Amino acid sequence: MTGVAQGPLSGVRIIEISSFVAVPLAGMTLAQLGAEVIRVDPVGGAADYRRWPVTDDGDSIYWAGLNKGKQSVAVDMRSEQGQELIRRLITDAGILITNVAGRQWHSYDELAALRRDLIHVEISGRADGSTGVDYTVNAAVGFPMVTGPANLSTPVNHVLPAWDVSCGLYAALAVVTAVRARENTGAGARIAIPLENVALATAGNLSFLTEVMLGGRDRPRIGNSLYGQYGQNFTSSDGVVFMLVALTGRHFRDLTELTGTTAAVAALGDALGADFTDEGQRYRHRDALTGLFTLWFTERTAEQITAALSQTSVLWDRYRTFAEMAADPRVTQNPLFNTLDQPRIGRHLAPGLPISIDGGYPPAVAAPALGDHTAQVLQTLGLSGEQIDGLFGSGVVA
């Protein structure tokens, strides 16, 4: 009914208490790997239940997109009876993933006293316990100050919640690792993942922070250039924009041959005392090189450029809108996507797990409506029909 029938996590049950991106993505990823993921929300839905984009009827396309393949239970989380019911669900499953931090009633200490081998994964904003979301964390880490045109002096945010996505995948990895360890040792795990630490680790691993620590200089804004390598965007005669990257000597040679600038590039190197077989020299003199290459692109249509680049080793693609990409064969003919009839949202192509397992992609499974599986899940706790009806009647569940 949910997840992948024979996925590698088949037989694993996970309770998710969450909102927004990181934990819902973690839960969906685990469901696509075969786990049974039960998302528990307050009656009426969590803060993200109606988040944009929405349909004309107000149903959240966003919520459906991040909760595919899960079961949904709606509980009055403010009532003692509701909290006790959720604790029973968590201790029965043995795994909780959440970004609702600081709630004593589903804290690790409270739950581990009920089940010693509990796996408890909690995502927080910052390591000091204070709140933070992707866009505030990103502002503080430094990326908006090096994003955008070279002559800009104001910050530029990006629309991709990169730290939420990374954090969600770290959370899924943490669960898989903890499940494996529990199978070997019988011990549970208390796992904390601050969103800010994910961003800081990435900034450090990719040398953004280390570069400043060792050299004392912040990285400059360089627009669409590629730091330390040669990469630039070019516009065709009919207005289509391409992004080109030349990482290796072969890429760069092919680019000069394609644009008929081999002799001009050699002359430029002699004049500047630059060795363009060195990637750092290509980056340092990128503006001069771009000036040599630009004419070739402005004299050709997008179709001509596409045909010519396809015969080279140069790394490239044209810029596309989401609308263009949605109609592109890379979506419409990609086995990652399957046709999904999502209730309340509509029929559309939806991505499954972007990992091919034994030659196939675990498919997308429709997201539930809020509380779709409440009665069914409560039955797994051994509650009778009369007890379940009483919980519905009293408003403890919905």
Protein backbone atom coordinates (compact mmCIF):
# COMPACT_ATOMS: atom_id res chain seq x y z
CA MET A 1 0.00 0.00 0.00
CA THR A 2 2.86 2.41 0.80
CA GLY A 3 6.54 2.49 -0.01
CA VAL A 4 8.20 -0.11 -2.19
CA ALA A 5 6.93 -3.62 -1.66
CA GLN A 6 10.33 -5.28 -1.69
CA GLY A 7 12.50 -2.27 -0.99
CA PRO A 8 15.65 -2.58 1.11
CA LEU A 9 13.85 -1.08 4.14
CA SER A 10 10.82 -3.36 3.86
CA GLY A 11 9.60 -4.23 7.35
CA VAL A 12 10.89 -1.01 8.96
CA ARG A 13 8.22 1.25 10.45
CA ILE A 14 8.92 4.94 11.06
CA ILE A 15 6.85 7.64 12.76
CA GLU A 16 7.28 11.15 11.37
CA ILE A 17 6.25 14.36 13.14
CA SER A 18 7.22 17.19 10.87
CA SER A 19 6.54 20.20 8.70
CA PHE A 20 8.11 21.96 5.72
CA VAL A 21 11.04 20.30 3.86
CA ALA A 22 13.83 18.45 5.66
CA VAL A 23 11.99 15.80 7.66
CA PRO A 24 9.16 15.30 5.12
CA LEU A 25 11.86 14.69 2.48
CA ALA A 26 13.65 12.26 4.79
CA GLY A 27 10.42 10.38 5.44
CA MET A 28 9.49 10.24 1.76
CA THR A 29 12.97 8.99 0.84
CA LEU A 30 12.74 6.24 3.47
CA ALA A 31 9.25 5.31 2.21
CA GLN A 32 10.60 5.08 -1.35
CA LEU A 33 13.25 2.71 -0.01
CA GLY A 34 10.51 0.45 1.29
CA ALA A 35 9.90 1.61 4.86
CA GLU A 36 6.41 2.08 6.24
CA VAL A 37 6.33 5.76 7.12
CA ILE A 38 3.46 7.11 9.18
CA ARG A 39 3.24 10.89 9.28
CA VAL A 40 1.45 12.13 12.39
CA ASP A 41 -0.05 15.61 12.16
CA PRO A 42 -2.23 17.72 14.44
CA VAL A 43 -5.93 17.75 13.64
CA GLY A 44 -6.33 20.28 10.85
CA GLY A 45 -2.78 19.81 9.62
CA ALA A 46 0.66 21.14 10.48
CA ALA A 47 1.99 24.52 9.38
CA ASP A 48 2.85 23.23 5.89
CA TYR A 49 -0.47 21.53 5.09
CA ARG A 50 -1.67 24.40 2.87
CA ARG A 51 1.68 25.75 1.76
CA TRP A 52 1.95 27.15 -1.76
CA PRO A 53 1.79 26.18 -4.56
CA VAL A 54 -1.85 25.19 -4.22
CA THR A 55 -4.58 24.11 -6.60
CA ASP A 56 -7.56 26.33 -7.41
CA ASP A 57 -9.38 24.52 -4.59
CA GLY A 58 -6.65 25.33 -2.10
CA ASP A 59 -5.04 21.88 -1.85
CA SER A 60 -1.27 22.06 -1.41
CA ILE A 61 0.67 20.72 -4.36
CA TYR A 62 3.76 21.25 -2.22
CA TRP A 63 2.47 19.02 0.61
CA ALA A 64 1.49 16.25 -1.77
CA GLY A 65 4.90 16.40 -3.42
CA LEU A 66 6.85 15.77 -0.19
CA ASN A 67 4.56 13.16 1.36
CA LYS A 68 4.21 10.60 -1.41
CA GLY A 69 3.95 7.00 -0.27
CA LYS A 70 3.29 7.74 3.40
CA GLN A 71 0.39 6.97 5.70
CA SER A 72 -1.32 9.84 7.50
CA VAL A 73 -2.66 9.98 11.04
CA ALA A 74 -4.27 13.08 12.55
CA VAL A 75 -4.18 13.44 16.35
CA ASP A 76 -4.95 16.20 18.83
CA MET A 77 -1.36 16.76 19.93
CA ARG A 78 -2.32 19.20 22.69
CA SER A 79 -4.37 16.71 24.65
CA GLU A 80 -2.76 14.27 27.08
CA GLN A 81 -4.73 11.44 25.52
CA GLY A 82 -3.47 12.38 22.05
CA GLN A 83 0.12 12.63 23.24
CA GLU A 84 -0.10 9.24 24.91
CA LEU A 85 -1.50 7.76 21.71
CA ILE A 86 1.44 9.15 19.70
CA ARG A 87 3.93 7.84 22.25
CA ARG A 88 2.41 4.39 21.80
CA LEU A 89 2.79 4.68 18.03
CA ILE A 90 6.45 5.72 18.36
CA THR A 91 7.42 3.05 20.85
CA ASP A 92 5.62 0.42 18.80
CA ALA A 93 7.50 1.46 15.65
CA GLY A 94 10.83 2.11 17.40
CA ILE A 95 11.86 4.99 15.13
CA LEU A 96 10.92 8.69 15.24
CA ILE A 97 12.03 11.40 12.84
CA THR A 98 10.99 14.95 13.67
CA ASN A 99 11.84 18.61 13.36
CA VAL A 100 9.36 19.58 16.07
CA ALA A 101 12.13 20.13 18.58
CA GLY A 102 11.84 20.83 22.30
CA ARG A 103 8.64 18.89 23.02
CA GLN A 104 9.29 16.95 26.20
CA TRP A 105 6.50 14.45 25.60
CA HIS A 106 8.21 13.03 22.49
CA SER A 107 11.81 13.75 23.53
CA TYR A 108 14.44 11.05 23.41
CA ASP A 109 14.63 10.76 27.21
CA GLU A 110 10.89 10.34 27.61
CA LEU A 111 10.56 7.78 24.80
CA ALA A 112 13.75 5.82 25.50
CA ALA A 113 12.41 5.15 28.99
CA LEU A 114 9.58 3.29 27.25
CA ARG A 115 11.70 1.59 24.56
CA ARG A 116 15.43 1.22 25.14
CA ASP A 117 16.34 0.53 21.50
CA LEU A 118 14.56 3.64 20.23
CA ILE A 119 16.03 5.44 17.20
CA HIS A 120 15.27 9.13 17.67
CA VAL A 121 16.29 11.59 14.92
CA GLU A 122 15.63 15.25 15.63
CA ILE A 123 16.39 18.13 13.25
CA SER A 124 16.73 21.56 14.82
CA GLY A 125 17.50 25.00 13.46
CA ARG A 126 20.80 25.61 15.21
CA ALA A 127 23.07 23.61 17.50
CA ASP A 128 22.44 25.99 20.42
CA GLY A 129 18.75 25.11 20.30
CA SER A 130 17.58 28.38 18.76
CA THR A 131 15.31 28.40 15.74
CA GLY A 132 16.39 28.69 12.14
CA VAL A 133 15.08 27.82 8.70
CA ASP A 134 16.88 27.30 5.43
CA TYR A 135 16.62 30.90 4.30
CA THR A 136 17.83 32.42 7.59
CA VAL A 137 20.62 29.87 7.97
CA ASN A 138 21.71 30.52 4.38
CA ALA A 139 21.81 34.25 5.05
CA ALA A 140 24.13 33.76 8.00
CA VAL A 141 26.52 31.27 6.39
CA GLY A 142 27.72 33.55 3.59
CA PHE A 143 26.46 32.21 0.28
CA PRO A 144 24.16 35.15 -0.58
CA MET A 145 27.15 37.50 -0.36
CA VAL A 146 29.00 35.70 -3.15
CA THR A 147 25.97 34.98 -5.34
CA GLY A 148 24.96 37.24 -8.20
CA PRO A 149 26.58 39.71 -10.62
CA ALA A 150 30.09 40.90 -9.88
CA ASN A 151 29.09 44.55 -9.48
CA LEU A 152 26.26 43.90 -7.01
CA SER A 153 26.64 44.97 -3.38
CA THR A 154 23.45 43.47 -1.92
CA PRO A 155 22.79 39.84 -0.89
CA VAL A 156 21.18 37.43 -3.37
CA ASN A 157 19.15 34.52 -2.01
CA HIS A 158 18.63 31.38 -4.03
CA VAL A 159 15.22 29.72 -4.45
CA LEU A 160 16.52 26.20 -3.80
CA PRO A 161 16.33 25.26 -0.08
CA ALA A 162 19.69 23.53 -0.32
CA TRP A 163 20.22 23.03 3.40
CA ASP A 164 16.75 21.59 3.92
CA VAL A 165 17.37 19.11 1.11
CA SER A 166 20.83 18.18 2.38
CA CYS A 167 19.57 17.93 5.94
CA GLY A 168 16.70 15.66 4.89
CA LEU A 169 19.06 13.31 3.09
CA TYR A 170 21.44 13.29 6.08
CA ALA A 171 18.46 12.38 8.25
CA ALA A 172 17.49 9.49 5.97
CA LEU A 173 21.11 8.28 6.01
CA ALA A 174 21.15 8.53 9.80
CA VAL A 175 18.06 6.33 10.07
CA VAL A 176 19.46 3.69 7.72
CA THR A 177 22.75 3.66 9.62
CA ALA A 178 21.03 3.44 13.01
CA VAL A 179 18.76 0.61 11.85
CA ARG A 180 21.81 -1.33 10.67
CA ALA A 181 23.61 -0.72 13.95
CA ARG A 182 20.55 -1.77 15.97
CA GLU A 183 20.36 -5.02 14.04
CA ASN A 184 23.97 -5.74 15.02
CA THR A 185 24.03 -4.46 18.61
CA GLY A 186 20.43 -4.15 19.75
CA ALA A 187 21.06 -0.55 20.77
CA GLY A 188 19.05 2.46 19.71
CA ALA A 189 20.41 5.91 18.89
CA ARG A 190 19.85 9.55 19.79
CA ILE A 191 20.64 11.60 16.68
CA ALA A 192 20.55 15.39 16.44
CA ILE A 193 21.03 17.22 13.13
CA PRO A 194 21.10 21.03 13.34
CA LEU A 195 20.24 22.58 9.99
CA GLU A 196 22.89 25.26 10.49
CA ASN A 197 25.57 22.61 11.02
CA VAL A 198 24.67 20.99 7.71
CA ALA A 199 25.19 24.35 6.00
CA LEU A 200 28.42 25.05 7.89
CA ALA A 201 29.81 21.59 7.17
CA THR A 202 29.08 22.02 3.48
CA ALA A 203 30.65 25.48 3.42
CA GLY A 204 33.73 24.03 5.11
CA ASN A 205 33.92 20.88 3.00
CA LEU A 206 33.69 22.92 -0.21
CA SER A 207 36.46 25.23 1.11
CA PHE A 208 34.39 28.43 1.31
CA LEU A 209 35.25 28.80 5.01
CA THR A 210 38.71 27.25 4.82
CA GLU A 211 39.72 29.62 2.04
CA VAL A 212 39.04 32.59 4.32
CA MET A 213 40.70 30.96 7.33
CA LEU A 214 43.93 30.35 5.42
CA GLY A 215 44.01 33.26 3.01
CA GLY A 216 42.05 35.94 4.82
CA ARG A 217 40.06 36.82 1.71
CA ASP A 218 36.37 36.40 1.00
CA ARG A 219 35.53 34.88 -2.35
CA PRO A 220 34.37 37.54 -4.83
CA ARG A 221 31.12 37.62 -6.74
CA ILE A 222 31.74 36.35 -10.27
CA GLY A 223 28.26 36.14 -11.78
CA ASN A 224 27.81 32.99 -13.84
CA SER A 225 31.51 32.23 -14.09
CA LEU A 226 32.85 29.07 -12.47
CA TYR A 227 35.29 29.67 -9.63
CA GLY A 228 38.77 28.29 -10.32
CA GLN A 229 37.80 26.89 -13.72
CA TYR A 230 36.55 28.21 -17.04
CA GLY A 231 32.78 28.35 -17.22
CA GLN A 232 30.51 31.00 -18.70
CA ASN A 233 27.13 31.62 -20.26
CA PHE A 234 26.72 32.65 -23.92
CA THR A 235 23.69 33.85 -25.87
CA SER A 236 22.78 32.67 -29.36
CA SER A 237 21.66 34.94 -32.21
CA ASP A 238 18.04 34.00 -31.46
CA GLY A 239 18.30 34.78 -27.75
CA VAL A 240 18.82 31.33 -26.21
CA VAL A 241 21.32 31.25 -23.33
CA PHE A 242 23.80 28.39 -22.93
CA MET A 243 26.06 27.47 -20.02
CA LEU A 244 29.46 26.05 -20.96
CA VAL A 245 32.07 24.49 -18.68
CA ALA A 246 35.60 23.46 -19.63
CA LEU A 247 37.05 21.52 -16.70
CA THR A 248 39.91 19.74 -18.46
CA GLY A 249 42.52 20.56 -21.04
CA ARG A 250 40.61 18.55 -23.61
CA HIS A 251 37.40 20.47 -22.91
CA PHE A 252 39.22 23.76 -23.39
CA ARG A 253 40.95 22.66 -26.60
CA ASP A 254 37.63 21.52 -28.04
CA LEU A 255 36.09 24.87 -27.15
CA THR A 256 38.82 26.83 -28.91
CA GLU A 257 38.65 24.59 -31.96
CA LEU A 258 34.85 24.84 -32.07
CA THR A 259 34.93 28.64 -31.95
CA GLY A 260 37.89 28.94 -34.33
CA THR A 261 39.95 30.78 -31.72
CA THR A 262 42.89 28.40 -31.21
CA ALA A 263 45.41 30.84 -32.69
CA ALA A 264 43.83 33.84 -30.96
CA VAL A 265 43.89 32.09 -27.59
CA ALA A 266 47.56 31.20 -28.09
CA ALA A 267 48.34 34.81 -28.95
CA LEU A 268 46.42 36.01 -25.90
CA GLY A 269 48.41 33.66 -23.72
CA ASP A 270 51.67 34.99 -25.09
CA ALA A 271 50.58 38.60 -24.58
CA LEU A 272 49.48 37.97 -20.99
CA GLY A 273 52.24 35.54 -20.11
CA ALA A 274 49.56 33.00 -19.30
CA ASP A 275 49.61 29.24 -19.72
CA PHE A 276 46.06 28.22 -20.62
CA THR A 277 46.78 24.56 -20.05
CA ASP A 278 46.49 25.54 -16.38
CA GLU A 279 42.90 25.78 -15.11
CA GLY A 280 43.77 28.59 -12.71
CA GLN A 281 45.13 30.69 -15.57
CA ARG A 282 41.97 30.05 -17.57
CA TYR A 283 39.92 31.26 -14.59
CA ARG A 284 42.11 34.28 -13.93
CA HIS A 285 41.81 35.50 -17.53
CA ARG A 286 38.21 34.35 -18.04
CA ASP A 287 36.91 37.73 -19.21
CA ALA A 288 39.50 38.00 -21.98
CA LEU A 289 38.79 34.43 -23.10
CA THR A 290 35.05 35.03 -23.05
CA GLY A 291 35.56 38.02 -25.30
CA LEU A 292 37.23 35.76 -27.88
CA PHE A 293 34.53 33.08 -27.75
CA THR A 294 31.43 35.32 -27.68
CA LEU A 295 31.33 36.22 -31.38
CA TRP A 296 31.00 32.58 -32.43
CA PHE A 297 27.85 32.22 -30.31
CA THR A 298 26.23 35.50 -31.30
CA GLU A 299 26.54 34.59 -34.98
CA ARG A 300 24.70 31.25 -34.63
CA THR A 301 21.22 30.08 -33.73
CA ALA A 302 20.49 27.86 -30.76
CA GLU A 303 19.91 24.93 -33.09
CA GLN A 304 23.29 25.42 -34.76
CA ILE A 305 25.07 25.79 -31.42
CA THR A 306 23.39 22.67 -30.05
CA ALA A 307 24.41 20.61 -33.07
CA ALA A 308 28.01 21.84 -32.92
CA LEU A 309 28.48 21.41 -29.16
CA SER A 310 27.05 17.89 -29.33
CA GLN A 311 30.08 16.86 -31.38
CA THR A 312 32.58 18.02 -28.73
CA SER A 313 33.66 17.04 -25.22
CA VAL A 314 32.67 20.47 -23.86
CA LEU A 315 30.21 20.33 -20.94
CA TRP A 316 27.13 22.38 -21.74
CA ASP A 317 23.41 22.84 -21.61
CA ARG A 318 20.91 25.55 -22.42
CA TYR A 319 19.03 27.41 -19.74
CA ARG A 320 15.42 26.27 -19.44
CA THR A 321 12.39 27.35 -17.47
CA PHE A 322 10.53 24.87 -15.29
CA ALA A 323 7.76 24.90 -17.91
CA GLU A 324 10.22 23.97 -20.64
CA MET A 325 11.77 21.25 -18.50
CA ALA A 326 8.40 19.73 -17.61
CA ALA A 327 7.77 19.14 -21.34
CA ASP A 328 11.31 17.97 -22.09
CA PRO A 329 12.01 14.28 -22.88
CA ARG A 330 14.36 14.25 -19.87
CA VAL A 331 11.16 14.32 -17.84
CA THR A 332 8.51 12.90 -20.17
CA GLN A 333 10.59 9.90 -21.23
CA ASN A 334 12.57 9.41 -18.02
CA PRO A 335 11.85 6.16 -16.12
CA LEU A 336 12.37 8.13 -12.91
CA PHE A 337 8.89 9.60 -13.51
CA ASN A 338 5.63 7.72 -13.55
CA THR A 339 2.08 8.93 -14.13
CA LEU A 340 0.52 9.58 -10.73
CA ASP A 341 -3.18 10.14 -10.14
CA GLN A 342 -2.90 12.24 -7.00
CA PRO A 343 -6.26 12.74 -5.30
CA ARG A 344 -7.24 16.40 -4.92
CA ILE A 345 -4.21 17.50 -6.98
CA GLY A 346 -4.59 15.84 -10.37
CA ARG A 347 -2.90 13.49 -12.77
CA HIS A 348 0.74 14.30 -13.49
CA LEU A 349 4.22 12.88 -13.94
CA ALA A 350 5.86 12.46 -10.53
CA PRO A 351 9.41 11.42 -9.65
CA GLY A 352 10.06 8.33 -7.62
CA LEU A 353 13.32 7.65 -5.81
CA PRO A 354 16.18 9.00 -7.98
CA ILE A 355 18.20 5.84 -7.31
CA SER A 356 17.99 2.90 -9.66
CA ILE A 357 17.86 -0.36 -7.69
CA ASP A 358 18.49 -3.53 -9.69
CA GLY A 359 17.71 -1.67 -12.88
CA GLY A 360 14.50 0.04 -11.80
CA TYR A 361 13.41 3.19 -10.02
CA PRO A 362 11.05 2.80 -7.05
CA PRO A 363 7.93 4.57 -8.35
CA ALA A 364 6.08 7.54 -6.94
CA VAL A 365 3.08 6.58 -4.80
CA ALA A 366 0.25 9.01 -4.12
CA ALA A 367 0.34 11.11 -0.98
CA PRO A 368 -2.48 10.63 1.51
CA ALA A 369 -5.03 13.15 2.63
CA LEU A 370 -4.70 14.27 6.21
CA GLY A 371 -5.81 11.46 8.51
CA ASP A 372 -6.47 8.94 5.72
CA HIS A 373 -4.98 6.07 7.73
CA THR A 374 -5.88 7.06 11.28
CA ALA A 375 -8.27 4.18 11.97
CA GLN A 376 -6.12 1.63 10.16
CA VAL A 377 -2.96 2.58 12.08
CA LEU A 378 -4.76 2.60 15.43
CA GLN A 379 -5.86 -0.96 14.79
CA THR A 380 -2.19 -1.99 14.70
CA LEU A 381 -1.95 -0.90 18.36
CA GLY A 382 -4.61 -3.46 19.27
CA LEU A 383 -7.39 -0.92 19.79
CA SER A 384 -10.89 -2.23 19.27
CA GLY A 385 -13.37 -0.70 16.87
CA GLU A 386 -15.32 0.67 19.81
CA GLN A 387 -12.20 2.32 21.27
CA ILE A 388 -11.28 3.83 17.91
CA ASP A 389 -14.82 5.16 17.42
CA GLY A 390 -14.59 6.73 20.86
CA LEU A 391 -11.34 8.50 19.94
CA PHE A 392 -12.94 9.90 16.80
CA GLY A 393 -16.04 10.93 18.67
CA SER A 394 -14.06 12.80 21.33
CA GLY A 395 -11.91 14.59 18.74
CA VAL A 396 -8.65 13.02 19.94
CA VAL A 397 -8.10 11.75 16.41
CA ALA A 398 -9.47 12.75 13.02
